[in-house]
PDB file of N, CA and C in Angstrom:
ATOM      1  N   MET A   1     -27.180   8.433  10.395  1.00  0.00           N
ATOM      2  CA  MET A   1     -26.111   8.723  11.324  1.00  0.00           C
ATOM      3  C   MET A   1     -24.743   8.433  10.700  1.00  0.00           C
ATOM      4  N   ALA A   2     -24.614   7.273  10.028  1.00  0.00           N
ATOM      5  CA  ALA A   2     -23.338   6.909   9.415  1.00  0.00           C
ATOM      6  C   ALA A   2     -22.948   7.900   8.332  1.00  0.00           C
ATOM      7  N   CYS A   3     -23.944   8.386   7.595  1.00  0.00           N
ATOM      8  CA  CYS A   3     -23.674   9.354   6.535  1.00  0.00           C
ATOM      9  C   CYS A   3     -23.135  10.654   7.128  1.00  0.00           C
ATOM     10  N   ALA A   4     -23.715  11.093   8.224  1.00  0.00           N
ATOM     11  CA  ALA A   4     -23.258  12.318   8.886  1.00  0.00           C
ATOM     12  C   ALA A   4     -21.836  12.143   9.403  1.00  0.00           C
ATOM     13  N   ALA A   5     -21.537  10.961   9.934  1.00  0.00           N
ATOM     14  CA  ALA A   5     -20.188  10.694  10.436  1.00  0.00           C
ATOM     15  C   ALA A   5     -19.186  10.680   9.284  1.00  0.00           C
ATOM     16  N   GLY A   6     -19.572  10.094   8.152  1.00  0.00           N
ATOM     17  CA  GLY A   6     -18.697  10.075   6.985  1.00  0.00           C
ATOM     18  C   GLY A   6     -18.431  11.470   6.459  1.00  0.00           C
ATOM     19  N   LEU A   7     -19.473  12.296   6.438  1.00  0.00           N
ATOM     20  CA  LEU A   7     -19.324  13.680   5.989  1.00  0.00           C
ATOM     21  C   LEU A   7     -18.419  14.448   6.938  1.00  0.00           C
ATOM     22  N   ALA A   8     -18.605  14.245   8.239  1.00  0.00           N
ATOM     23  CA  ALA A   8     -17.761  14.924   9.224  1.00  0.00           C
ATOM     24  C   ALA A   8     -16.305  14.488   9.068  1.00  0.00           C
ATOM     25  N   GLY A   9     -16.102  13.203   8.805  1.00  0.00           N
ATOM     26  CA  GLY A   9     -14.745  12.708   8.599  1.00  0.00           C
ATOM     27  C   GLY A   9     -14.099  13.336   7.377  1.00  0.00           C
ATOM     28  N   MET A  10     -14.856  13.434   6.277  1.00  0.00           N
ATOM     29  CA  MET A  10     -14.330  14.052   5.061  1.00  0.00           C
ATOM     30  C   MET A  10     -14.024  15.527   5.292  1.00  0.00           C
ATOM     31  N   GLN A  11     -14.885  16.217   6.010  1.00  0.00           N
ATOM     32  CA  GLN A  11     -14.652  17.635   6.308  1.00  0.00           C
ATOM     33  C   GLN A  11     -13.376  17.807   7.132  1.00  0.00           C
ATOM     34  N   ALA A  12     -13.151  16.903   8.080  1.00  0.00           N
ATOM     35  CA  ALA A  12     -11.939  16.970   8.896  1.00  0.00           C
ATOM     36  C   ALA A  12     -10.696  16.732   8.039  1.00  0.00           C
ATOM     37  N   LEU A  13     -10.758  15.749   7.128  1.00  0.00           N
ATOM     38  CA  LEU A  13      -9.630  15.491   6.238  1.00  0.00           C
ATOM     39  C   LEU A  13      -9.309  16.704   5.382  1.00  0.00           C
ATOM     40  N   LEU A  14     -10.348  17.346   4.864  1.00  0.00           N
ATOM     41  CA  LEU A  14     -10.145  18.533   4.035  1.00  0.00           C
ATOM     42  C   LEU A  14      -9.605  19.694   4.859  1.00  0.00           C
ATOM     43  N   ALA A  15     -10.164  19.895   6.044  1.00  0.00           N
ATOM     44  CA  ALA A  15      -9.738  21.008   6.901  1.00  0.00           C
ATOM     45  C   ALA A  15      -8.280  20.852   7.321  1.00  0.00           C
ATOM     46  N   GLU A  16      -7.865  19.632   7.579  1.00  0.00           N
ATOM     47  CA  GLU A  16      -6.485  19.379   8.007  1.00  0.00           C
ATOM     48  C   GLU A  16      -5.530  19.219   6.823  1.00  0.00           C
ATOM     49  N   LYS A  17      -6.060  19.333   5.617  1.00  0.00           N
ATOM     50  CA  LYS A  17      -5.272  19.202   4.387  1.00  0.00           C
ATOM     51  C   LYS A  17      -4.557  17.852   4.297  1.00  0.00           C
ATOM     52  N   MET A  18      -5.193  16.805   4.852  1.00  0.00           N
ATOM     53  CA  MET A  18      -4.603  15.475   4.803  1.00  0.00           C
ATOM     54  C   MET A  18      -4.702  14.857   3.419  1.00  0.00           C
ATOM     55  N   ILE A  19      -5.624  15.326   2.616  1.00  0.00           N
ATOM     56  CA  ILE A  19      -5.797  14.760   1.280  1.00  0.00           C
ATOM     57  C   ILE A  19      -4.789  15.362   0.302  1.00  0.00           C
ATOM     58  N   ASP A  20      -4.251  16.531   0.638  1.00  0.00           N
ATOM     59  CA  ASP A  20      -3.251  17.156  -0.228  1.00  0.00           C
ATOM     60  C   ASP A  20      -2.082  16.195  -0.447  1.00  0.00           C
ATOM     61  N   GLY A  21      -1.719  16.016  -1.652  1.00  0.00           N
ATOM     62  CA  GLY A  21      -0.556  15.203  -1.966  1.00  0.00           C
ATOM     63  C   GLY A  21      -0.814  13.718  -2.084  1.00  0.00           C
ATOM     64  N   VAL A  22      -2.055  13.272  -1.886  1.00  0.00           N
ATOM     65  CA  VAL A  22      -2.335  11.838  -1.968  1.00  0.00           C
ATOM     66  C   VAL A  22      -1.990  11.291  -3.341  1.00  0.00           C
ATOM     67  N   PHE A  23      -2.346  12.005  -4.386  1.00  0.00           N
ATOM     68  CA  PHE A  23      -2.096  11.481  -5.731  1.00  0.00           C
ATOM     69  C   PHE A  23      -0.612  11.509  -6.078  1.00  0.00           C
ATOM     70  N   GLU A  24       0.134  12.472  -5.524  1.00  0.00           N
ATOM     71  CA  GLU A  24       1.582  12.476  -5.721  1.00  0.00           C
ATOM     72  C   GLU A  24       2.217  11.295  -4.992  1.00  0.00           C
ATOM     73  N   LYS A  25       1.696  10.990  -3.789  1.00  0.00           N
ATOM     74  CA  LYS A  25       2.203   9.840  -3.037  1.00  0.00           C
ATOM     75  C   LYS A  25       1.869   8.537  -3.764  1.00  0.00           C
ATOM     76  N   GLU A  26       0.671   8.473  -4.342  1.00  0.00           N
ATOM     77  CA  GLU A  26       0.294   7.298  -5.129  1.00  0.00           C
ATOM     78  C   GLU A  26       1.264   7.119  -6.294  1.00  0.00           C
ATOM     79  N   LYS A  27       1.572   8.195  -6.999  1.00  0.00           N
ATOM     80  CA  LYS A  27       2.504   8.122  -8.130  1.00  0.00           C
ATOM     81  C   LYS A  27       3.888   7.657  -7.677  1.00  0.00           C
ATOM     82  N   LEU A  28       4.316   8.112  -6.501  1.00  0.00           N
ATOM     83  CA  LEU A  28       5.615   7.687  -5.973  1.00  0.00           C
ATOM     84  C   LEU A  28       5.607   6.183  -5.711  1.00  0.00           C
ATOM     85  N   PHE A  29       4.561   5.689  -5.046  1.00  0.00           N
ATOM     86  CA  PHE A  29       4.444   4.241  -4.846  1.00  0.00           C
ATOM     87  C   PHE A  29       4.538   3.508  -6.177  1.00  0.00           C
ATOM     88  N   LEU A  30       3.746   3.955  -7.149  1.00  0.00           N
ATOM     89  CA  LEU A  30       3.706   3.266  -8.447  1.00  0.00           C
ATOM     90  C   LEU A  30       5.058   3.295  -9.146  1.00  0.00           C
ATOM     91  N   SER A  31       5.784   4.396  -9.008  1.00  0.00           N
ATOM     92  CA  SER A  31       7.093   4.475  -9.663  1.00  0.00           C
ATOM     93  C   SER A  31       8.125   3.575  -8.985  1.00  0.00           C
ATOM     94  N   LEU A  32       7.976   3.359  -7.685  1.00  0.00           N
ATOM     95  CA  LEU A  32       8.954   2.559  -6.942  1.00  0.00           C
ATOM     96  C   LEU A  32       8.651   1.064  -6.971  1.00  0.00           C
ATOM     97  N   LEU A  33       7.399   0.698  -7.122  1.00  0.00           N
ATOM     98  CA  LEU A  33       7.023  -0.715  -7.068  1.00  0.00           C
ATOM     99  C   LEU A  33       7.230  -1.385  -8.430  1.00  0.00           C
ATOM    100  N   GLN A  34       8.482  -1.517  -8.795  1.00  0.00           N
ATOM    101  CA  GLN A  34       8.905  -2.147 -10.047  1.00  0.00           C
ATOM    102  C   GLN A  34       9.792  -3.330  -9.707  1.00  0.00           C
ATOM    103  N   HIS A  35       9.375  -4.523 -10.123  1.00  0.00           N
ATOM    104  CA  HIS A  35      10.156  -5.738  -9.856  1.00  0.00           C
ATOM    105  C   HIS A  35       9.668  -6.821 -10.814  1.00  0.00           C
ATOM    106  N   PRO A  36      10.564  -7.666 -11.303  1.00  0.00           N
ATOM    107  CA  PRO A  36      10.137  -8.727 -12.230  1.00  0.00           C
ATOM    108  C   PRO A  36       9.084  -9.674 -11.658  1.00  0.00           C
ATOM    109  N   LYS A  37       9.035  -9.832 -10.343  1.00  0.00           N
ATOM    110  CA  LYS A  37       8.069 -10.732  -9.711  1.00  0.00           C
ATOM    111  C   LYS A  37       6.698 -10.073  -9.491  1.00  0.00           C
ATOM    112  N   ILE A  38       6.594  -8.762  -9.698  1.00  0.00           N
ATOM    113  CA  ILE A  38       5.318  -8.063  -9.562  1.00  0.00           C
ATOM    114  C   ILE A  38       4.584  -8.156 -10.889  1.00  0.00           C
ATOM    115  N   LYS A  39       3.404  -8.785 -10.873  1.00  0.00           N
ATOM    116  CA  LYS A  39       2.615  -8.937 -12.100  1.00  0.00           C
ATOM    117  C   LYS A  39       1.851  -7.661 -12.423  1.00  0.00           C
ATOM    118  N   ALA A  40       1.359  -6.962 -11.391  1.00  0.00           N
ATOM    119  CA  ALA A  40       0.593  -5.729 -11.588  1.00  0.00           C
ATOM    120  C   ALA A  40       0.498  -4.983 -10.263  1.00  0.00           C
ATOM    121  N   VAL A  41       0.316  -3.675 -10.356  1.00  0.00           N
ATOM    122  CA  VAL A  41       0.022  -2.854  -9.180  1.00  0.00           C
ATOM    123  C   VAL A  41      -1.221  -2.056  -9.511  1.00  0.00           C
ATOM    124  N   ARG A  42      -2.243  -2.238  -8.698  1.00  0.00           N
ATOM    125  CA  ARG A  42      -3.485  -1.477  -8.870  1.00  0.00           C
ATOM    126  C   ARG A  42      -3.611  -0.528  -7.691  1.00  0.00           C
ATOM    127  N   SER A  43      -4.151   0.653  -7.952  1.00  0.00           N
ATOM    128  CA  SER A  43      -4.271   1.619  -6.864  1.00  0.00           C
ATOM    129  C   SER A  43      -5.455   2.538  -7.067  1.00  0.00           C
ATOM    130  N   ARG A  44      -5.874   3.078  -5.961  1.00  0.00           N
ATOM    131  CA  ARG A  44      -6.871   4.141  -5.924  1.00  0.00           C
ATOM    132  C   ARG A  44      -6.444   5.018  -4.766  1.00  0.00           C
ATOM    133  N   GLY A  45      -5.750   6.108  -5.096  1.00  0.00           N
ATOM    134  CA  GLY A  45      -5.173   6.927  -4.030  1.00  0.00           C
ATOM    135  C   GLY A  45      -4.086   6.120  -3.339  1.00  0.00           C
ATOM    136  N   LEU A  46      -4.167   6.029  -2.012  1.00  0.00           N
ATOM    137  CA  LEU A  46      -3.169   5.279  -1.261  1.00  0.00           C
ATOM    138  C   LEU A  46      -3.627   3.870  -0.900  1.00  0.00           C
ATOM    139  N   MET A  47      -4.651   3.384  -1.563  1.00  0.00           N
ATOM    140  CA  MET A  47      -5.046   1.981  -1.417  1.00  0.00           C
ATOM    141  C   MET A  47      -4.411   1.234  -2.583  1.00  0.00           C
ATOM    142  N   LEU A  48      -3.480   0.337  -2.267  1.00  0.00           N
ATOM    143  CA  LEU A  48      -2.710  -0.339  -3.305  1.00  0.00           C
ATOM    144  C   LEU A  48      -2.795  -1.851  -3.186  1.00  0.00           C
ATOM    145  N   ALA A  49      -2.786  -2.520  -4.346  1.00  0.00           N
ATOM    146  CA  ALA A  49      -2.723  -3.974  -4.416  1.00  0.00           C
ATOM    147  C   ALA A  49      -1.557  -4.338  -5.321  1.00  0.00           C
ATOM    148  N   VAL A  50      -0.627  -5.113  -4.782  1.00  0.00           N
ATOM    149  CA  VAL A  50       0.537  -5.563  -5.524  1.00  0.00           C
ATOM    150  C   VAL A  50       0.317  -7.045  -5.839  1.00  0.00           C
ATOM    151  N   GLU A  51       0.108  -7.337  -7.117  1.00  0.00           N
ATOM    152  CA  GLU A  51      -0.206  -8.706  -7.526  1.00  0.00           C
ATOM    153  C   GLU A  51       1.071  -9.485  -7.818  1.00  0.00           C
ATOM    154  N   VAL A  52       1.126 -10.693  -7.250  1.00  0.00           N
ATOM    155  CA  VAL A  52       2.233 -11.614  -7.500  1.00  0.00           C
ATOM    156  C   VAL A  52       1.662 -12.912  -8.068  1.00  0.00           C
ATOM    157  N   GLU A  53       2.510 -13.891  -8.282  1.00  0.00           N
ATOM    158  CA  GLU A  53       2.116 -15.123  -8.967  1.00  0.00           C
ATOM    159  C   GLU A  53       1.005 -15.896  -8.257  1.00  0.00           C
ATOM    160  N   ASP A  54       1.180 -16.107  -6.942  1.00  0.00           N
ATOM    161  CA  ASP A  54       0.233 -16.957  -6.228  1.00  0.00           C
ATOM    162  C   ASP A  54       0.240 -16.617  -4.739  1.00  0.00           C
ATOM    163  N   PHE A  55      -0.646 -17.292  -3.983  1.00  0.00           N
ATOM    164  CA  PHE A  55      -0.729 -17.022  -2.545  1.00  0.00           C
ATOM    165  C   PHE A  55       0.556 -17.342  -1.796  1.00  0.00           C
ATOM    166  N   PRO A  56       1.221 -18.477  -2.043  1.00  0.00           N
ATOM    167  CA  PRO A  56       2.472 -18.732  -1.314  1.00  0.00           C
ATOM    168  C   PRO A  56       3.510 -17.615  -1.505  1.00  0.00           C
ATOM    169  N   SER A  57       3.589 -17.059  -2.705  1.00  0.00           N
ATOM    170  CA  SER A  57       4.516 -15.939  -2.948  1.00  0.00           C
ATOM    171  C   SER A  57       4.083 -14.713  -2.167  1.00  0.00           C
ATOM    172  N   ALA A  58       2.796 -14.412  -2.222  1.00  0.00           N
ATOM    173  CA  ALA A  58       2.277 -13.249  -1.486  1.00  0.00           C
ATOM    174  C   ALA A  58       2.532 -13.416   0.002  1.00  0.00           C
ATOM    175  N   LYS A  59       2.259 -14.590   0.536  1.00  0.00           N
ATOM    176  CA  LYS A  59       2.434 -14.846   1.972  1.00  0.00           C
ATOM    177  C   LYS A  59       3.886 -14.692   2.378  1.00  0.00           C
ATOM    178  N   LYS A  60       4.803 -15.165   1.549  1.00  0.00           N
ATOM    179  CA  LYS A  60       6.224 -15.052   1.868  1.00  0.00           C
ATOM    180  C   LYS A  60       6.651 -13.579   1.923  1.00  0.00           C
ATOM    181  N   VAL A  61       6.191 -12.778   0.965  1.00  0.00           N
ATOM    182  CA  VAL A  61       6.540 -11.356   0.940  1.00  0.00           C
ATOM    183  C   VAL A  61       5.862 -10.626   2.102  1.00  0.00           C
ATOM    184  N   ILE A  62       4.613 -10.959   2.370  1.00  0.00           N
ATOM    185  CA  ILE A  62       3.893 -10.338   3.488  1.00  0.00           C
ATOM    186  C   ILE A  62       4.625 -10.613   4.799  1.00  0.00           C
ATOM    187  N   ASP A  63       5.007 -11.864   5.019  1.00  0.00           N
ATOM    188  CA  ASP A  63       5.735 -12.212   6.247  1.00  0.00           C
ATOM    189  C   ASP A  63       7.050 -11.449   6.341  1.00  0.00           C
ATOM    190  N   TYR A  64       7.740 -11.311   5.210  1.00  0.00           N
ATOM    191  CA  TYR A  64       8.999 -10.551   5.187  1.00  0.00           C
ATOM    192  C   TYR A  64       8.736  -9.091   5.566  1.00  0.00           C
ATOM    193  N   CYS A  65       7.705  -8.508   4.962  1.00  0.00           N
ATOM    194  CA  CYS A  65       7.375  -7.104   5.245  1.00  0.00           C
ATOM    195  C   CYS A  65       7.057  -6.900   6.718  1.00  0.00           C
ATOM    196  N   ILE A  66       6.218  -7.764   7.267  1.00  0.00           N
ATOM    197  CA  ILE A  66       5.832  -7.629   8.678  1.00  0.00           C
ATOM    198  C   ILE A  66       7.047  -7.771   9.582  1.00  0.00           C
ATOM    199  N   ALA A  67       7.916  -8.733   9.279  1.00  0.00           N
ATOM    200  CA  ALA A  67       9.126  -8.931  10.082  1.00  0.00           C
ATOM    201  C   ALA A  67      10.054  -7.731  10.023  1.00  0.00           C
ATOM    202  N   ASN A  68       9.912  -6.921   8.965  1.00  0.00           N
ATOM    203  CA  ASN A  68      10.783  -5.757   8.791  1.00  0.00           C
ATOM    204  C   ASN A  68      10.052  -4.431   9.006  1.00  0.00           C
ATOM    205  N   GLY A  69       8.897  -4.468   9.668  1.00  0.00           N
ATOM    206  CA  GLY A  69       8.237  -3.247  10.108  1.00  0.00           C
ATOM    207  C   GLY A  69       7.178  -2.664   9.200  1.00  0.00           C
ATOM    208  N   VAL A  70       6.807  -3.355   8.131  1.00  0.00           N
ATOM    209  CA  VAL A  70       5.764  -2.855   7.234  1.00  0.00           C
ATOM    210  C   VAL A  70       4.524  -3.721   7.415  1.00  0.00           C
ATOM    211  N   ILE A  71       3.456  -3.129   7.903  1.00  0.00           N
ATOM    212  CA  ILE A  71       2.219  -3.868   8.131  1.00  0.00           C
ATOM    213  C   ILE A  71       1.454  -3.976   6.821  1.00  0.00           C
ATOM    214  N   THR A  72       1.166  -5.199   6.428  1.00  0.00           N
ATOM    215  CA  THR A  72       0.446  -5.464   5.191  1.00  0.00           C
ATOM    216  C   THR A  72      -0.316  -6.775   5.338  1.00  0.00           C
ATOM    217  N   ASP A  73      -1.075  -7.121   4.339  1.00  0.00           N
ATOM    218  CA  ASP A  73      -1.885  -8.338   4.367  1.00  0.00           C
ATOM    219  C   ASP A  73      -2.265  -8.670   2.939  1.00  0.00           C
ATOM    220  N   TRP A  74      -3.087  -9.697   2.747  1.00  0.00           N
ATOM    221  CA  TRP A  74      -3.590 -10.040   1.428  1.00  0.00           C
ATOM    222  C   TRP A  74      -5.089  -9.779   1.402  1.00  0.00           C
ATOM    223  N   PHE A  75      -5.679  -9.895   0.243  1.00  0.00           N
ATOM    224  CA  PHE A  75      -7.119  -9.723   0.072  1.00  0.00           C
ATOM    225  C   PHE A  75      -7.790 -11.085   0.138  1.00  0.00           C
ATOM    226  N   LEU A  76      -8.926 -11.164   0.804  1.00  0.00           N
ATOM    227  CA  LEU A  76      -9.665 -12.426   0.853  1.00  0.00           C
ATOM    228  C   LEU A  76     -10.120 -12.862  -0.532  1.00  0.00           C
ATOM    229  N   PHE A  77     -10.443 -11.901  -1.389  1.00  0.00           N
ATOM    230  CA  PHE A  77     -10.951 -12.219  -2.731  1.00  0.00           C
ATOM    231  C   PHE A  77      -9.847 -12.313  -3.773  1.00  0.00           C
ATOM    232  N   ALA A  78      -8.623 -11.986  -3.407  1.00  0.00           N
ATOM    233  CA  ALA A  78      -7.477 -12.078  -4.321  1.00  0.00           C
ATOM    234  C   ALA A  78      -6.243 -12.384  -3.482  1.00  0.00           C
ATOM    235  N   SER A  79      -6.103 -13.635  -3.108  1.00  0.00           N
ATOM    236  CA  SER A  79      -5.039 -14.001  -2.169  1.00  0.00           C
ATOM    237  C   SER A  79      -3.633 -13.853  -2.744  1.00  0.00           C
ATOM    238  N   ASN A  80      -3.537 -13.606  -4.046  1.00  0.00           N
ATOM    239  CA  ASN A  80      -2.215 -13.388  -4.644  1.00  0.00           C
ATOM    240  C   ASN A  80      -1.870 -11.901  -4.733  1.00  0.00           C
ATOM    241  N   ALA A  81      -2.663 -11.055  -4.085  1.00  0.00           N
ATOM    242  CA  ALA A  81      -2.406  -9.605  -4.094  1.00  0.00           C
ATOM    243  C   ALA A  81      -2.075  -9.126  -2.685  1.00  0.00           C
ATOM    244  N   ILE A  82      -0.978  -8.409  -2.572  1.00  0.00           N
ATOM    245  CA  ILE A  82      -0.519  -7.848  -1.300  1.00  0.00           C
ATOM    246  C   ILE A  82      -1.174  -6.482  -1.137  1.00  0.00           C
ATOM    247  N   ARG A  83      -1.773  -6.268   0.020  1.00  0.00           N
ATOM    248  CA  ARG A  83      -2.541  -5.041   0.258  1.00  0.00           C
ATOM    249  C   ARG A  83      -1.702  -4.031   1.032  1.00  0.00           C
ATOM    250  N   PHE A  84      -1.674  -2.800   0.519  1.00  0.00           N
ATOM    251  CA  PHE A  84      -1.056  -1.667   1.214  1.00  0.00           C
ATOM    252  C   PHE A  84      -2.104  -0.572   1.355  1.00  0.00           C
ATOM    253  N   VAL A  85      -2.326  -0.121   2.574  1.00  0.00           N
ATOM    254  CA  VAL A  85      -3.230   1.001   2.823  1.00  0.00           C
ATOM    255  C   VAL A  85      -2.568   1.866   3.901  1.00  0.00           C
ATOM    256  N   PRO A  86      -1.582   2.667   3.510  1.00  0.00           N
ATOM    257  CA  PRO A  86      -0.874   3.483   4.502  1.00  0.00           C
ATOM    258  C   PRO A  86      -1.731   4.677   4.937  1.00  0.00           C
ATOM    259  N   PRO A  87      -1.371   5.278   6.057  1.00  0.00           N
ATOM    260  CA  PRO A  87      -2.089   6.485   6.483  1.00  0.00           C
ATOM    261  C   PRO A  87      -1.848   7.630   5.496  1.00  0.00           C
ATOM    262  N   LEU A  88      -2.804   8.533   5.410  1.00  0.00           N
ATOM    263  CA  LEU A  88      -2.679   9.660   4.487  1.00  0.00           C
ATOM    264  C   LEU A  88      -1.489  10.553   4.819  1.00  0.00           C
ATOM    265  N   ILE A  89      -1.018  10.494   6.049  1.00  0.00           N
ATOM    266  CA  ILE A  89       0.095  11.352   6.460  1.00  0.00           C
ATOM    267  C   ILE A  89       1.460  10.707   6.238  1.00  0.00           C
ATOM    268  N   ILE A  90       1.498   9.580   5.545  1.00  0.00           N
ATOM    269  CA  ILE A  90       2.778   8.918   5.282  1.00  0.00           C
ATOM    270  C   ILE A  90       3.706   9.879   4.540  1.00  0.00           C
ATOM    271  N   SER A  91       4.960   9.882   4.938  1.00  0.00           N
ATOM    272  CA  SER A  91       5.931  10.779   4.307  1.00  0.00           C
ATOM    273  C   SER A  91       6.552  10.114   3.085  1.00  0.00           C
ATOM    274  N   GLU A  92       7.204  10.920   2.267  1.00  0.00           N
ATOM    275  CA  GLU A  92       7.904  10.395   1.087  1.00  0.00           C
ATOM    276  C   GLU A  92       8.987   9.412   1.516  1.00  0.00           C
ATOM    277  N   GLU A  93       9.711   9.723   2.577  1.00  0.00           N
ATOM    278  CA  GLU A  93      10.757   8.834   3.071  1.00  0.00           C
ATOM    279  C   GLU A  93      10.171   7.510   3.540  1.00  0.00           C
ATOM    280  N   GLU A  94       9.033   7.543   4.223  1.00  0.00           N
ATOM    281  CA  GLU A  94       8.392   6.311   4.678  1.00  0.00           C
ATOM    282  C   GLU A  94       7.908   5.466   3.492  1.00  0.00           C
ATOM    283  N   ILE A  95       7.431   6.134   2.439  1.00  0.00           N
ATOM    284  CA  ILE A  95       7.029   5.410   1.228  1.00  0.00           C
ATOM    285  C   ILE A  95       8.237   4.711   0.629  1.00  0.00           C
ATOM    286  N   ARG A  96       9.342   5.416   0.537  1.00  0.00           N
ATOM    287  CA  ARG A  96      10.568   4.828  -0.020  1.00  0.00           C
ATOM    288  C   ARG A  96      11.037   3.630   0.818  1.00  0.00           C
ATOM    289  N   GLN A  97      10.972   3.768   2.151  1.00  0.00           N
ATOM    290  CA  GLN A  97      11.376   2.674   3.037  1.00  0.00           C
ATOM    291  C   GLN A  97      10.455   1.466   2.868  1.00  0.00           C
ATOM    292  N   ALA A  98       9.143   1.696   2.848  1.00  0.00           N
ATOM    293  CA  ALA A  98       8.178   0.604   2.706  1.00  0.00           C
ATOM    294  C   ALA A  98       8.378  -0.125   1.377  1.00  0.00           C
ATOM    295  N   CYS A  99       8.588   0.637   0.310  1.00  0.00           N
ATOM    296  CA  CYS A  99       8.793   0.023  -1.006  1.00  0.00           C
ATOM    297  C   CYS A  99      10.100  -0.755  -1.045  1.00  0.00           C
ATOM    298  N   ALA A 100      11.143  -0.230  -0.413  1.00  0.00           N
ATOM    299  CA  ALA A 100      12.424  -0.940  -0.371  1.00  0.00           C
ATOM    300  C   ALA A 100      12.270  -2.269   0.358  1.00  0.00           C
ATOM    301  N   ILE A 101      11.509  -2.278   1.440  1.00  0.00           N
ATOM    302  CA  ILE A 101      11.285  -3.517   2.185  1.00  0.00           C
ATOM    303  C   ILE A 101      10.475  -4.491   1.352  1.00  0.00           C
ATOM    304  N   LEU A 102       9.424  -4.013   0.687  1.00  0.00           N
ATOM    305  CA  LEU A 102       8.618  -4.889  -0.169  1.00  0.00           C
ATOM    306  C   LEU A 102       9.479  -5.484  -1.287  1.00  0.00           C
ATOM    307  N   LEU A 103      10.285  -4.653  -1.925  1.00  0.00           N
ATOM    308  CA  LEU A 103      11.134  -5.143  -3.011  1.00  0.00           C
ATOM    309  C   LEU A 103      12.171  -6.141  -2.518  1.00  0.00           C
ATOM    310  N   ALA A 104      12.702  -5.920  -1.328  1.00  0.00           N
ATOM    311  CA  ALA A 104      13.639  -6.891  -0.736  1.00  0.00           C
ATOM    312  C   ALA A 104      12.901  -8.209  -0.471  1.00  0.00           C
ATOM    313  N   GLY A 105      11.650  -8.117  -0.067  1.00  0.00           N
ATOM    314  CA  GLY A 105      10.835  -9.322   0.099  1.00  0.00           C
ATOM    315  C   GLY A 105      10.629 -10.035  -1.217  1.00  0.00           C
ATOM    316  N   MET A 106      10.438  -9.266  -2.294  1.00  0.00           N
ATOM    317  CA  MET A 106      10.293  -9.859  -3.623  1.00  0.00           C
ATOM    318  C   MET A 106      11.566 -10.592  -4.033  1.00  0.00           C
ATOM    319  N   ASP A 107      12.699 -10.089  -3.628  1.00  0.00           N
ATOM    320  CA  ASP A 107      13.985 -10.735  -3.948  1.00  0.00           C
ATOM    321  C   ASP A 107      14.116 -12.104  -3.308  1.00  0.00           C
ATOM    322  N   THR A 108      13.316 -12.391  -2.274  1.00  0.00           N
ATOM    323  CA  THR A 108      13.398 -13.687  -1.608  1.00  0.00           C
ATOM    324  C   THR A 108      12.615 -14.774  -2.364  1.00  0.00           C
ATOM    325  N   LEU A 109      11.825 -14.356  -3.357  1.00  0.00           N
ATOM    326  CA  LEU A 109      11.007 -15.337  -4.097  1.00  0.00           C
ATOM    327  C   LEU A 109      11.862 -16.139  -5.073  1.00  0.00           C
TER     328      LEU A 109
END
């Protein structure tokens, strides 16, 4: 049953052309997420992990992002990585805004 639901979900994504542009959006995120406090950015499509020095740094940036309208969190298995998983329909402008907020949060470190 779960497999059929997953297939139906993928078919809907393809039919609605929601997957179009995902890799371009990923590239935009990667090009914008540049800051001396960012140790690494890992991604797979629009699933992104922004690695910082430690958990207190990640928590401070996460709190800043949430206070400024960007919903994010950390990973249980990598508490020093900030997790971004935006919807596939995120616009280029929304990506730019989210990255600007994250970078402003990095400036607080």
